[in-house]
Amino acid sequence: MFDEVVERCRLGDATGYSILYERYSKAMFNTSLRIVNNAADAEDVLQEAFTAAFGGLKDFNFSSTFGAWLKKIVINKSLNLLRKKKLLLVDTDDEAIQGLKDEEMPDESNLLLQVAKIKKAMQTLDSGYRSVLSLYLFEGYDHEEIAEIMGVPSTTVRSQYMRARQKLVTVLNKP
């Protein structure tokens, strides 16, 4: 159904634009908000993403869904905003982090059961940690995909993820 709406938008149908915006705006706002951690910035990203998507519909080739294509735009715009603010990743070579094994880390399945609590705790993390965790936990990207999106080595993503996960657990365990 949405492929037909995309085609209508390509022909300049204003109703089609409205339908796509209504269908995807809330989810895309939430995706951006989890990364930028600021409602006003997320709203700006949302508007920029839809403007870019609607302006670039001629390049959309239906190899993925419109939603997946739009989500990539939203994630890239969110990360670009953080880059502009210079809040993204700090490349670390922390031996303590690299030496940790997954089994030494807290049980992630327990964390996943507390999504609302995790989202609230994530708001307290710095933007780099929050971005990696959001892309991994909520958006479902793996470390290599996140590295490609962020333009950093996958080892940086892995270490940032492990550090972020440790900080998140610390925040969650505070009384």
Protein backbone atom coordinates (compact mmCIF):
# COMPACT_ATOMS: atom_id res chain seq x y z
CA MET A 1 0.00 0.00 0.00
CA PHE A 2 2.72 2.48 0.95
CA ASP A 3 4.55 1.82 -2.31
CA GLU A 4 1.51 3.28 -4.07
CA VAL A 5 1.59 6.28 -1.75
CA VAL A 6 5.29 6.80 -2.53
CA GLU A 7 4.47 6.73 -6.23
CA ARG A 8 1.72 9.32 -5.64
CA CYS A 9 4.26 11.52 -3.85
CA ARG A 10 6.65 11.21 -6.78
CA LEU A 11 3.86 12.68 -8.89
CA GLY A 12 3.48 15.59 -6.45
CA ASP A 13 0.33 14.41 -4.64
CA ALA A 14 0.14 16.45 -1.40
CA THR A 15 -2.21 13.90 0.20
CA GLY A 16 0.45 11.24 -0.30
CA TYR A 17 3.00 13.34 1.58
CA SER A 18 0.51 13.75 4.40
CA ILE A 19 -0.16 10.01 4.57
CA LEU A 20 3.54 9.16 4.77
CA TYR A 21 4.18 11.84 7.38
CA GLU A 22 1.28 10.64 9.54
CA ARG A 23 2.38 7.02 9.22
CA TYR A 24 6.05 7.51 10.08
CA SER A 25 6.52 10.77 12.01
CA LYS A 26 6.00 9.43 15.54
CA ALA A 27 8.33 6.45 15.12
CA MET A 28 10.99 8.56 13.42
CA PHE A 29 10.74 11.24 16.11
CA ASN A 30 11.26 8.56 18.78
CA THR A 31 14.23 7.13 16.89
CA SER A 32 15.86 10.55 16.74
CA LEU A 33 14.98 11.39 20.34
CA ARG A 34 16.73 8.26 21.59
CA ILE A 35 19.89 9.42 19.81
CA VAL A 36 19.90 13.19 20.35
CA ASN A 37 18.16 13.17 23.76
CA ASN A 38 16.46 16.50 23.18
CA ALA A 39 12.88 16.91 21.94
CA ALA A 40 13.53 20.17 20.08
CA ASP A 41 16.55 18.69 18.31
CA ALA A 42 14.60 15.52 17.49
CA GLU A 43 11.81 17.64 16.00
CA ASP A 44 14.36 19.52 13.87
CA VAL A 45 15.90 16.23 12.74
CA LEU A 46 12.43 14.90 11.90
CA GLN A 47 11.63 17.88 9.71
CA GLU A 48 15.01 17.76 7.98
CA ALA A 49 14.67 14.02 7.40
CA PHE A 50 11.22 14.30 5.84
CA THR A 51 12.34 17.22 3.70
CA ALA A 52 15.33 15.19 2.51
CA ALA A 53 13.22 12.07 1.95
CA PHE A 54 10.49 13.87 0.05
CA GLY A 55 13.08 15.75 -1.99
CA GLY A 56 14.93 12.54 -2.74
CA LEU A 57 12.00 10.29 -3.65
CA LYS A 58 13.34 10.03 -7.20
CA ASP A 59 16.32 8.14 -5.68
CA PHE A 60 14.15 5.73 -3.67
CA ASN A 61 14.27 2.45 -5.58
CA PHE A 62 12.02 0.20 -3.46
CA SER A 63 14.93 -2.11 -2.58
CA SER A 64 13.83 -1.60 1.03
CA THR A 65 10.66 -0.28 2.58
CA PHE A 66 10.09 3.45 2.67
CA GLY A 67 10.16 3.22 6.48
CA ALA A 68 13.59 1.56 6.54
CA TRP A 69 14.92 4.10 4.03
CA LEU A 70 13.51 6.98 6.08
CA LYS A 71 14.92 5.53 9.32
CA LYS A 72 18.43 5.56 7.82
CA ILE A 73 17.95 9.20 6.91
CA VAL A 74 16.72 10.01 10.44
CA ILE A 75 19.64 8.17 12.06
CA ASN A 76 22.17 9.89 9.81
CA LYS A 77 20.64 13.32 10.42
CA SER A 78 20.61 12.63 14.20
CA LEU A 79 24.25 11.58 14.19
CA ASN A 80 25.18 14.57 12.02
CA LEU A 81 23.55 16.85 14.58
CA LEU A 82 25.63 15.27 17.34
CA ARG A 83 28.76 15.63 15.19
CA LYS A 84 28.00 19.31 14.70
CA LYS A 85 27.76 19.61 18.45
CA LYS A 86 30.89 17.46 18.75
CA LEU A 87 29.17 15.04 21.08
CA LEU A 88 29.64 11.70 19.38
CA LEU A 89 32.29 9.13 20.17
CA VAL A 90 35.48 9.23 22.11
CA ASP A 91 37.92 6.71 20.69
CA THR A 92 39.27 4.70 23.58
CA ASP A 93 41.87 2.03 23.96
CA ASP A 94 40.99 1.13 27.53
CA GLU A 95 42.61 -2.20 28.40
CA ALA A 96 40.08 -2.83 31.17
CA ILE A 97 37.21 -2.61 28.70
CA GLN A 98 38.91 -4.65 25.99
CA GLY A 99 39.73 -7.38 28.51
CA LEU A 100 36.12 -7.87 29.59
CA LYS A 101 34.27 -10.86 28.29
CA ASP A 102 30.53 -10.85 27.65
CA GLU A 103 29.94 -13.35 30.42
CA GLU A 104 31.44 -10.89 32.93
CA MET A 105 28.87 -8.31 31.96
CA PRO A 106 25.39 -8.07 33.50
CA ASP A 107 22.61 -10.17 31.99
CA GLU A 108 21.23 -8.17 29.05
CA SER A 109 17.99 -10.15 28.91
CA ASN A 110 17.10 -8.76 32.33
CA LEU A 111 17.79 -5.23 31.05
CA LEU A 112 15.57 -5.75 28.00
CA LEU A 113 12.61 -6.51 30.27
CA GLN A 114 12.89 -3.02 31.73
CA VAL A 115 12.78 -0.94 28.56
CA ALA A 116 11.08 2.11 30.09
CA LYS A 117 13.58 2.21 32.94
CA ILE A 118 16.44 1.78 30.49
CA LYS A 119 15.23 4.60 28.25
CA LYS A 120 15.03 6.92 31.24
CA ALA A 121 18.50 5.90 32.42
CA MET A 122 19.88 6.33 28.90
CA GLN A 123 18.87 9.97 28.93
CA THR A 124 21.57 10.51 31.58
CA LEU A 125 24.36 9.07 29.41
CA ASP A 126 26.55 11.16 27.14
CA SER A 127 25.55 11.31 23.50
CA GLY A 128 28.14 8.86 22.19
CA TYR A 129 27.11 6.13 24.60
CA ARG A 130 23.43 6.87 24.06
CA SER A 131 23.81 6.72 20.27
CA VAL A 132 25.56 3.36 20.26
CA LEU A 133 23.12 1.84 22.75
CA SER A 134 20.09 3.20 20.90
CA LEU A 135 21.27 1.89 17.55
CA TYR A 136 22.14 -1.50 19.02
CA LEU A 137 19.35 -2.11 21.55
CA PHE A 138 16.40 -0.27 20.06
CA GLU A 139 17.11 -0.05 16.34
CA GLY A 140 18.60 -3.55 16.01
CA TYR A 141 21.84 -2.67 14.24
CA ASP A 142 24.92 -4.81 14.88
CA HIS A 143 28.36 -3.38 15.70
CA GLU A 144 29.58 -3.42 12.10
CA GLU A 145 26.46 -1.64 10.84
CA ILE A 146 26.79 0.99 13.57
CA ALA A 147 30.45 1.48 12.66
CA GLU A 148 29.48 2.02 9.04
CA ILE A 149 26.71 4.46 9.97
CA MET A 150 28.97 6.43 12.31
CA GLY A 151 32.06 6.26 10.12
CA VAL A 152 34.28 4.77 12.82
CA PRO A 153 36.05 1.42 13.23
CA SER A 154 33.92 -1.44 14.58
CA THR A 155 36.41 -1.82 17.46
CA THR A 156 35.51 1.70 18.56
CA VAL A 157 31.82 0.82 18.46
CA ARG A 158 32.42 -2.37 20.46
CA SER A 159 34.39 -0.57 23.16
CA GLN A 160 31.87 2.29 23.29
CA TYR A 161 29.05 -0.26 23.55
CA MET A 162 30.74 -2.12 26.41
CA ARG A 163 31.50 1.12 28.27
CA ALA A 164 27.98 2.39 27.64
CA ARG A 165 26.48 -0.85 28.86
CA GLN A 166 28.58 -0.66 32.05
CA LYS A 167 27.54 2.95 32.67
CA LEU A 168 23.90 2.08 31.99
CA VAL A 169 24.02 -0.76 34.51
CA THR A 170 25.58 1.59 37.05
CA VAL A 171 22.78 4.11 36.54
CA LEU A 172 20.12 1.40 36.71
CA ASN A 173 21.56 0.01 39.95
CA LYS A 174 21.58 3.37 41.74
CA PRO A 175 19.02 3.45 44.56
